[in-house]
Amino acid sequence: MMAAPIYRHPDGEGTIQFDAANSRLFLFNAAEGPSAYALIGPWGLREVAAKLLALAEEMGVQQ
């Protein structure tokens, strides 16, 4: 698998990676290894990105 890291937890506890060749978004947990994946295409990635951005904005306002 040639997944590109999207996010790495600052303490090394997990990562989110994307494998473009297979259109899979992976969640890795440091204790368990790959813990979940989802098949996702360009539209799905855009939707996830928009929702994550909205959540980050909401969290930033609350802090």
PDB file of N, CA and C in Angstrom:
ATOM      1  N   MET A   1       0.857  -1.185   0.000  1.00  0.00           N
ATOM      2  CA  MET A   1       0.000   0.000   0.000  1.00  0.00           C
ATOM      3  C   MET A   1       0.893   1.236   0.000  1.00  0.00           C
ATOM      4  N   MET A   2       0.639   2.159  -0.889  1.00  0.00           N
ATOM      5  CA  MET A   2       1.390   3.404  -0.974  1.00  0.00           C
ATOM      6  C   MET A   2       0.475   4.558  -0.555  1.00  0.00           C
ATOM      7  N   ALA A   3       0.073   4.551   0.688  1.00  0.00           N
ATOM      8  CA  ALA A   3      -0.830   5.573   1.196  1.00  0.00           C
ATOM      9  C   ALA A   3      -0.047   6.812   1.588  1.00  0.00           C
ATOM     10  N   ALA A   4      -0.618   7.951   1.283  1.00  0.00           N
ATOM     11  CA  ALA A   4      -0.007   9.228   1.647  1.00  0.00           C
ATOM     12  C   ALA A   4      -0.584   9.698   2.977  1.00  0.00           C
ATOM     13  N   PRO A   5       0.277  10.064   3.932  1.00  0.00           N
ATOM     14  CA  PRO A   5      -0.235  10.567   5.212  1.00  0.00           C
ATOM     15  C   PRO A   5      -0.969  11.894   5.029  1.00  0.00           C
ATOM     16  N   ILE A   6      -2.136  11.985   5.629  1.00  0.00           N
ATOM     17  CA  ILE A   6      -2.915  13.219   5.614  1.00  0.00           C
ATOM     18  C   ILE A   6      -2.778  13.923   6.955  1.00  0.00           C
ATOM     19  N   TYR A   7      -2.798  13.127   8.012  1.00  0.00           N
ATOM     20  CA  TYR A   7      -2.700  13.673   9.363  1.00  0.00           C
ATOM     21  C   TYR A   7      -1.967  12.668  10.234  1.00  0.00           C
ATOM     22  N   ARG A   8      -1.088  13.172  11.073  1.00  0.00           N
ATOM     23  CA  ARG A   8      -0.391  12.332  12.046  1.00  0.00           C
ATOM     24  C   ARG A   8      -0.575  12.978  13.415  1.00  0.00           C
ATOM     25  N   HIS A   9      -1.092  12.208  14.376  1.00  0.00           N
ATOM     26  CA  HIS A   9      -1.296  12.719  15.725  1.00  0.00           C
ATOM     27  C   HIS A   9       0.051  13.185  16.283  1.00  0.00           C
ATOM     28  N   PRO A  10       0.086  14.345  16.959  1.00  0.00           N
ATOM     29  CA  PRO A  10       1.357  14.878  17.471  1.00  0.00           C
ATOM     30  C   PRO A  10       2.106  13.925  18.399  1.00  0.00           C
ATOM     31  N   ASP A  11       1.396  13.072  19.116  1.00  0.00           N
ATOM     32  CA  ASP A  11       2.032  12.123  20.022  1.00  0.00           C
ATOM     33  C   ASP A  11       2.298  10.777  19.358  1.00  0.00           C
ATOM     34  N   GLY A  12       2.026  10.674  18.060  1.00  0.00           N
ATOM     35  CA  GLY A  12       2.260   9.433  17.339  1.00  0.00           C
ATOM     36  C   GLY A  12       1.233   8.351  17.605  1.00  0.00           C
ATOM     37  N   GLU A  13       0.074   8.725  18.119  1.00  0.00           N
ATOM     38  CA  GLU A  13      -0.936   7.736  18.496  1.00  0.00           C
ATOM     39  C   GLU A  13      -1.779   7.239  17.330  1.00  0.00           C
ATOM     40  N   GLY A  14      -1.675   7.865  16.197  1.00  0.00           N
ATOM     41  CA  GLY A  14      -2.457   7.410  15.055  1.00  0.00           C
ATOM     42  C   GLY A  14      -2.257   8.309  13.853  1.00  0.00           C
ATOM     43  N   THR A  15      -2.701   7.826  12.687  1.00  0.00           N
ATOM     44  CA  THR A  15      -2.617   8.600  11.457  1.00  0.00           C
ATOM     45  C   THR A  15      -3.865   8.382  10.623  1.00  0.00           C
ATOM     46  N   ILE A  16      -4.082   9.326   9.730  1.00  0.00           N
ATOM     47  CA  ILE A  16      -5.075   9.183   8.668  1.00  0.00           C
ATOM     48  C   ILE A  16      -4.274   9.207   7.379  1.00  0.00           C
ATOM     49  N   GLN A  17      -4.508   8.212   6.516  1.00  0.00           N
ATOM     50  CA  GLN A  17      -3.768   8.117   5.264  1.00  0.00           C
ATOM     51  C   GLN A  17      -4.727   7.859   4.122  1.00  0.00           C
ATOM     52  N   PHE A  18      -4.313   8.250   2.908  1.00  0.00           N
ATOM     53  CA  PHE A  18      -5.134   8.033   1.721  1.00  0.00           C
ATOM     54  C   PHE A  18      -4.331   7.278   0.676  1.00  0.00           C
ATOM     55  N   ASP A  19      -4.921   6.225   0.151  1.00  0.00           N
ATOM     56  CA  ASP A  19      -4.321   5.431  -0.924  1.00  0.00           C
ATOM     57  C   ASP A  19      -5.085   5.758  -2.207  1.00  0.00           C
ATOM     58  N   ALA A  20      -4.498   6.615  -3.038  1.00  0.00           N
ATOM     59  CA  ALA A  20      -5.173   7.076  -4.250  1.00  0.00           C
ATOM     60  C   ALA A  20      -5.379   5.945  -5.259  1.00  0.00           C
ATOM     61  N   ALA A  21      -4.463   4.997  -5.320  1.00  0.00           N
ATOM     62  CA  ALA A  21      -4.581   3.906  -6.279  1.00  0.00           C
ATOM     63  C   ALA A  21      -5.824   3.057  -6.028  1.00  0.00           C
ATOM     64  N   ASN A  22      -6.212   2.926  -4.769  1.00  0.00           N
ATOM     65  CA  ASN A  22      -7.374   2.113  -4.404  1.00  0.00           C
ATOM     66  C   ASN A  22      -8.538   2.928  -3.871  1.00  0.00           C
ATOM     67  N   SER A  23      -8.409   4.254  -3.866  1.00  0.00           N
ATOM     68  CA  SER A  23      -9.458   5.163  -3.366  1.00  0.00           C
ATOM     69  C   SER A  23      -9.907   4.792  -1.965  1.00  0.00           C
ATOM     70  N   ARG A  24      -8.938   4.584  -1.078  1.00  0.00           N
ATOM     71  CA  ARG A  24      -9.261   4.211   0.303  1.00  0.00           C
ATOM     72  C   ARG A  24      -8.653   5.203   1.288  1.00  0.00           C
ATOM     73  N   LEU A  25      -9.458   5.603   2.230  1.00  0.00           N
ATOM     74  CA  LEU A  25      -9.048   6.467   3.332  1.00  0.00           C
ATOM     75  C   LEU A  25      -8.883   5.559   4.551  1.00  0.00           C
ATOM     76  N   PHE A  26      -7.669   5.513   5.120  1.00  0.00           N
ATOM     77  CA  PHE A  26      -7.353   4.620   6.220  1.00  0.00           C
ATOM     78  C   PHE A  26      -7.185   5.379   7.525  1.00  0.00           C
ATOM     79  N   LEU A  27      -7.644   4.777   8.602  1.00  0.00           N
ATOM     80  CA  LEU A  27      -7.378   5.251   9.957  1.00  0.00           C
ATOM     81  C   LEU A  27      -6.477   4.224  10.617  1.00  0.00           C
ATOM     82  N   PHE A  28      -5.344   4.682  11.128  1.00  0.00           N
ATOM     83  CA  PHE A  28      -4.405   3.796  11.809  1.00  0.00           C
ATOM     84  C   PHE A  28      -4.327   4.192  13.274  1.00  0.00           C
ATOM     85  N   ASN A  29      -4.387   3.208  14.136  1.00  0.00           N
ATOM     86  CA  ASN A  29      -4.258   3.390  15.571  1.00  0.00           C
ATOM     87  C   ASN A  29      -2.912   2.800  15.965  1.00  0.00           C
ATOM     88  N   ALA A  30      -2.135   3.534  16.750  1.00  0.00           N
ATOM     89  CA  ALA A  30      -0.788   3.074  17.120  1.00  0.00           C
ATOM     90  C   ALA A  30      -0.816   1.704  17.800  1.00  0.00           C
ATOM     91  N   ALA A  31      -1.837   1.417  18.571  1.00  0.00           N
ATOM     92  CA  ALA A  31      -1.904   0.158  19.302  1.00  0.00           C
ATOM     93  C   ALA A  31      -2.401  -1.002  18.434  1.00  0.00           C
ATOM     94  N   GLU A  32      -3.237  -0.702  17.435  1.00  0.00           N
ATOM     95  CA  GLU A  32      -3.887  -1.761  16.665  1.00  0.00           C
ATOM     96  C   GLU A  32      -3.455  -1.849  15.210  1.00  0.00           C
ATOM     97  N   GLY A  33      -2.774  -0.850  14.694  1.00  0.00           N
ATOM     98  CA  GLY A  33      -2.482  -0.811  13.262  1.00  0.00           C
ATOM     99  C   GLY A  33      -3.691  -0.294  12.510  1.00  0.00           C
ATOM    100  N   PRO A  34      -3.947  -0.800  11.307  1.00  0.00           N
ATOM    101  CA  PRO A  34      -5.109  -0.315  10.559  1.00  0.00           C
ATOM    102  C   PRO A  34      -6.390  -0.663  11.311  1.00  0.00           C
ATOM    103  N   SER A  35      -7.166   0.342  11.662  1.00  0.00           N
ATOM    104  CA  SER A  35      -8.378   0.066  12.414  1.00  0.00           C
ATOM    105  C   SER A  35      -9.647   0.274  11.597  1.00  0.00           C
ATOM    106  N   ALA A  36      -9.549   1.015  10.475  1.00  0.00           N
ATOM    107  CA  ALA A  36     -10.724   1.211   9.634  1.00  0.00           C
ATOM    108  C   ALA A  36     -10.298   1.799   8.295  1.00  0.00           C
ATOM    109  N   TYR A  37     -11.116   1.551   7.284  1.00  0.00           N
ATOM    110  CA  TYR A  37     -10.916   2.231   6.010  1.00  0.00           C
ATOM    111  C   TYR A  37     -12.264   2.427   5.346  1.00  0.00           C
ATOM    112  N   ALA A  38     -12.312   3.376   4.428  1.00  0.00           N
ATOM    113  CA  ALA A  38     -13.524   3.639   3.669  1.00  0.00           C
ATOM    114  C   ALA A  38     -13.147   3.867   2.219  1.00  0.00           C
ATOM    115  N   LEU A  39     -13.919   3.302   1.320  1.00  0.00           N
ATOM    116  CA  LEU A  39     -13.752   3.609  -0.094  1.00  0.00           C
ATOM    117  C   LEU A  39     -14.303   5.010  -0.320  1.00  0.00           C
ATOM    118  N   ILE A  40     -13.519   5.855  -0.965  1.00  0.00           N
ATOM    119  CA  ILE A  40     -13.943   7.243  -1.115  1.00  0.00           C
ATOM    120  C   ILE A  40     -13.314   7.824  -2.380  1.00  0.00           C
ATOM    121  N   GLY A  41     -14.101   8.544  -3.132  1.00  0.00           N
ATOM    122  CA  GLY A  41     -13.622   9.179  -4.354  1.00  0.00           C
ATOM    123  C   GLY A  41     -13.459  10.679  -4.173  1.00  0.00           C
ATOM    124  N   PRO A  42     -13.237  11.392  -5.258  1.00  0.00           N
ATOM    125  CA  PRO A  42     -12.995  12.836  -5.181  1.00  0.00           C
ATOM    126  C   PRO A  42     -14.130  13.624  -4.518  1.00  0.00           C
ATOM    127  N   TRP A  43     -15.376  13.293  -4.850  1.00  0.00           N
ATOM    128  CA  TRP A  43     -16.497  14.020  -4.239  1.00  0.00           C
ATOM    129  C   TRP A  43     -16.572  13.747  -2.748  1.00  0.00           C
ATOM    130  N   GLY A  44     -16.373  12.499  -2.360  1.00  0.00           N
ATOM    131  CA  GLY A  44     -16.395  12.149  -0.948  1.00  0.00           C
ATOM    132  C   GLY A  44     -15.284  12.839  -0.178  1.00  0.00           C
ATOM    133  N   LEU A  45     -14.097  12.900  -0.772  1.00  0.00           N
ATOM    134  CA  LEU A  45     -12.982  13.606  -0.124  1.00  0.00           C
ATOM    135  C   LEU A  45     -13.312  15.080   0.074  1.00  0.00           C
ATOM    136  N   ARG A  46     -13.941  15.683  -0.935  1.00  0.00           N
ATOM    137  CA  ARG A  46     -14.323  17.100  -0.807  1.00  0.00           C
ATOM    138  C   ARG A  46     -15.347  17.303   0.311  1.00  0.00           C
ATOM    139  N   GLU A  47     -16.312  16.384   0.403  1.00  0.00           N
ATOM    140  CA  GLU A  47     -17.323  16.487   1.461  1.00  0.00           C
ATOM    141  C   GLU A  47     -16.682  16.351   2.842  1.00  0.00           C
ATOM    142  N   VAL A  48     -15.795  15.365   2.994  1.00  0.00           N
ATOM    143  CA  VAL A  48     -15.112  15.170   4.278  1.00  0.00           C
ATOM    144  C   VAL A  48     -14.283  16.411   4.616  1.00  0.00           C
ATOM    145  N   ALA A  49     -13.569  16.936   3.630  1.00  0.00           N
ATOM    146  CA  ALA A  49     -12.740  18.126   3.855  1.00  0.00           C
ATOM    147  C   ALA A  49     -13.589  19.311   4.307  1.00  0.00           C
ATOM    148  N   ALA A  50     -14.715  19.517   3.650  1.00  0.00           N
ATOM    149  CA  ALA A  50     -15.593  20.638   4.012  1.00  0.00           C
ATOM    150  C   ALA A  50     -16.136  20.475   5.427  1.00  0.00           C
ATOM    151  N   LYS A  51     -16.528  19.267   5.784  1.00  0.00           N
ATOM    152  CA  LYS A  51     -17.072  19.034   7.122  1.00  0.00           C
ATOM    153  C   LYS A  51     -15.999  19.173   8.196  1.00  0.00           C
ATOM    154  N   LEU A  52     -14.787  18.686   7.908  1.00  0.00           N
ATOM    155  CA  LEU A  52     -13.695  18.847   8.866  1.00  0.00           C
ATOM    156  C   LEU A  52     -13.343  20.319   9.054  1.00  0.00           C
ATOM    157  N   LEU A  53     -13.331  21.064   7.968  1.00  0.00           N
ATOM    158  CA  LEU A  53     -13.057  22.498   8.068  1.00  0.00           C
ATOM    159  C   LEU A  53     -14.126  23.201   8.901  1.00  0.00           C
ATOM    160  N   ALA A  54     -15.391  22.867   8.680  1.00  0.00           N
ATOM    161  CA  ALA A  54     -16.474  23.466   9.460  1.00  0.00           C
ATOM    162  C   ALA A  54     -16.340  23.115  10.941  1.00  0.00           C
ATOM    163  N   LEU A  55     -15.989  21.857  11.234  1.00  0.00           N
ATOM    164  CA  LEU A  55     -15.799  21.461  12.630  1.00  0.00           C
ATOM    165  C   LEU A  55     -14.634  22.210  13.270  1.00  0.00           C
ATOM    166  N   ALA A  56     -13.535  22.371  12.529  1.00  0.00           N
ATOM    167  CA  ALA A  56     -12.382  23.096  13.056  1.00  0.00           C
ATOM    168  C   ALA A  56     -12.738  24.556  13.320  1.00  0.00           C
ATOM    169  N   GLU A  57     -13.500  25.157  12.436  1.00  0.00           N
ATOM    170  CA  GLU A  57     -13.928  26.541  12.638  1.00  0.00           C
ATOM    171  C   GLU A  57     -14.811  26.660  13.880  1.00  0.00           C
ATOM    172  N   GLU A  58     -15.727  25.714  14.025  1.00  0.00           N
ATOM    173  CA  GLU A  58     -16.625  25.713  15.185  1.00  0.00           C
ATOM    174  C   GLU A  58     -15.834  25.536  16.479  1.00  0.00           C
ATOM    175  N   MET A  59     -14.877  24.648  16.481  1.00  0.00           N
ATOM    176  CA  MET A  59     -14.049  24.423  17.666  1.00  0.00           C
ATOM    177  C   MET A  59     -13.210  25.651  17.985  1.00  0.00           C
ATOM    178  N   GLY A  60     -12.704  26.320  16.954  1.00  0.00           N
ATOM    179  CA  GLY A  60     -11.893  27.518  17.156  1.00  0.00           C
ATOM    180  C   GLY A  60     -12.686  28.642  17.775  1.00  0.00           C
ATOM    181  N   VAL A  61     -13.948  28.737  17.432  1.00  0.00           N
ATOM    182  CA  VAL A  61     -14.819  29.771  17.992  1.00  0.00           C
ATOM    183  C   VAL A  61     -15.113  29.475  19.465  1.00  0.00           C
ATOM    184  N   GLN A  62     -15.243  28.190  19.806  1.00  0.00           N
ATOM    185  CA  GLN A  62     -15.584  27.796  21.177  1.00  0.00           C
ATOM    186  C   GLN A  62     -14.415  27.975  22.133  1.00  0.00           C
ATOM    187  N   GLN A  63     -13.196  27.975  21.643  1.00  0.00           N
ATOM    188  CA  GLN A  63     -12.034  28.038  22.537  1.00  0.00           C
ATOM    189  C   GLN A  63     -11.689  29.443  22.909  1.00  0.00           C
TER     190      GLN A  63
END
